[in-house]
Amino acid sequence: MKPVVKKIALERMEILIDNALSNAKTNPKLAQRQASLAKKISMRHKVKMPYELRMVFCKKCKSFIAPGINSKIRVGRSTIKSIRITCNFCGHTYRKVIAQ
């Protein structure tokens, strides 16, 4: 694949996810569509989505979850500091460890 195509695909995915995050509260259907388009671009051009963009998708049901809008975010109270994210669509909870 040409590096130019990869660069354009990454830029477009970032734009779509940013727009989806800004539209999540006012128009959730549009936000879901924009996020799915970003995922389709990633798959079609065989470009791995960066971690910052991947973390807005549920790991179980693969739907777009905007932090605090259609997901719950809690700080873990264990010896290992982590953030717990719960999807409001499927109820799946997963953790992200915070570096100390």
Protein backbone atom coordinates (compact mmCIF):
# COMPACT_ATOMS: atom_id res chain seq x y z
CA MET A 1 0.00 0.00 0.00
CA LYS A 2 1.20 3.50 -0.74
CA PRO A 3 2.18 5.58 2.28
CA VAL A 4 0.09 8.47 0.95
CA VAL A 5 -3.08 6.38 1.05
CA LYS A 6 -2.27 5.23 4.60
CA LYS A 7 -1.72 8.81 5.74
CA ILE A 8 -4.99 10.00 4.21
CA ALA A 9 -6.87 7.07 5.77
CA LEU A 10 -5.44 7.86 9.24
CA GLU A 11 -6.33 11.55 8.90
CA ARG A 12 -9.86 10.71 7.81
CA MET A 13 -10.35 8.26 10.69
CA GLU A 14 -9.21 10.92 13.19
CA ILE A 15 -11.60 13.49 11.70
CA LEU A 16 -14.54 11.06 11.80
CA ILE A 17 -13.91 9.99 15.41
CA ASP A 18 -13.51 13.63 16.54
CA ASN A 19 -16.81 14.51 14.85
CA ALA A 20 -18.47 11.46 16.39
CA LEU A 21 -17.32 12.48 19.88
CA SER A 22 -18.64 16.02 19.41
CA ASN A 23 -21.99 14.78 18.01
CA ALA A 24 -22.48 12.00 20.57
CA LYS A 25 -24.68 14.03 22.90
CA THR A 26 -26.79 15.93 20.36
CA ASN A 27 -27.16 13.30 17.62
CA PRO A 28 -26.17 9.78 18.74
CA LYS A 29 -27.26 8.11 15.49
CA LEU A 30 -24.96 10.34 13.45
CA ALA A 31 -22.11 9.73 15.89
CA GLN A 32 -22.56 5.95 15.59
CA ARG A 33 -22.53 6.23 11.78
CA GLN A 34 -19.37 8.35 11.75
CA ALA A 35 -17.57 5.91 14.04
CA SER A 36 -18.61 2.95 11.89
CA LEU A 37 -17.33 4.76 8.79
CA ALA A 38 -13.97 5.25 10.50
CA LYS A 39 -13.85 1.53 11.28
CA LYS A 40 -14.74 0.66 7.67
CA ILE A 41 -11.92 2.89 6.38
CA SER A 42 -9.53 1.08 8.70
CA MET A 43 -10.63 -2.32 7.47
CA ARG A 44 -10.82 -1.45 3.77
CA HIS A 45 -7.34 0.05 3.60
CA LYS A 46 -5.82 -2.42 6.09
CA VAL A 47 -4.64 0.37 8.39
CA LYS A 48 -4.44 -0.37 12.10
CA MET A 49 -6.47 2.14 14.05
CA PRO A 50 -4.34 4.00 16.64
CA TYR A 51 -4.95 3.20 20.32
CA GLU A 52 -6.55 6.59 21.02
CA LEU A 53 -9.16 5.89 18.36
CA ARG A 54 -9.67 2.21 19.25
CA MET A 55 -10.51 2.99 22.86
CA VAL A 56 -13.84 4.60 21.92
CA PHE A 57 -15.23 1.24 20.77
CA CYS A 58 -16.61 -1.41 23.12
CA LYS A 59 -14.44 -4.50 23.15
CA LYS A 60 -17.44 -6.83 23.30
CA CYS A 61 -20.24 -5.41 21.14
CA LYS A 62 -17.93 -3.21 18.98
CA SER A 63 -20.27 -0.22 19.22
CA PHE A 64 -19.11 3.38 19.57
CA ILE A 65 -19.08 4.54 23.19
CA ALA A 66 -18.49 8.19 24.01
CA PRO A 67 -16.89 8.55 27.46
CA GLY A 68 -19.48 9.71 29.97
CA ILE A 69 -22.35 9.87 27.46
CA ASN A 70 -23.18 6.24 26.68
CA SER A 71 -20.66 4.63 29.03
CA LYS A 72 -19.83 4.81 32.72
CA ILE A 73 -16.28 5.61 33.77
CA ARG A 74 -15.08 4.82 37.29
CA VAL A 75 -11.71 4.94 39.00
CA GLY A 76 -10.64 1.59 40.42
CA ARG A 77 -9.89 1.35 44.17
CA SER A 78 -7.37 -1.45 44.01
CA THR A 79 -3.62 -1.43 44.61
CA ILE A 80 -3.26 -1.19 40.82
CA LYS A 81 -4.67 2.14 39.70
CA SER A 82 -7.05 1.66 36.79
CA ILE A 83 -10.07 3.13 35.07
CA ARG A 84 -13.16 0.93 34.64
CA ILE A 85 -15.29 1.60 31.59
CA THR A 86 -18.78 0.08 31.37
CA CYS A 87 -20.63 0.02 28.05
CA ASN A 88 -24.29 1.04 28.41
CA PHE A 89 -25.29 -1.06 25.37
CA CYS A 90 -24.05 -4.51 26.41
CA GLY A 91 -22.97 -3.94 30.03
CA HIS A 92 -19.41 -5.16 29.45
CA THR A 93 -16.81 -3.69 31.84
CA TYR A 94 -13.14 -3.44 30.99
CA ARG A 95 -10.17 -1.79 32.65
CA LYS A 96 -7.36 0.46 31.56
CA VAL A 97 -4.35 0.53 33.85
CA ILE A 98 -3.02 3.97 34.73
CA ALA A 99 0.76 4.25 34.66
CA GLN A 100 2.18 5.39 38.00
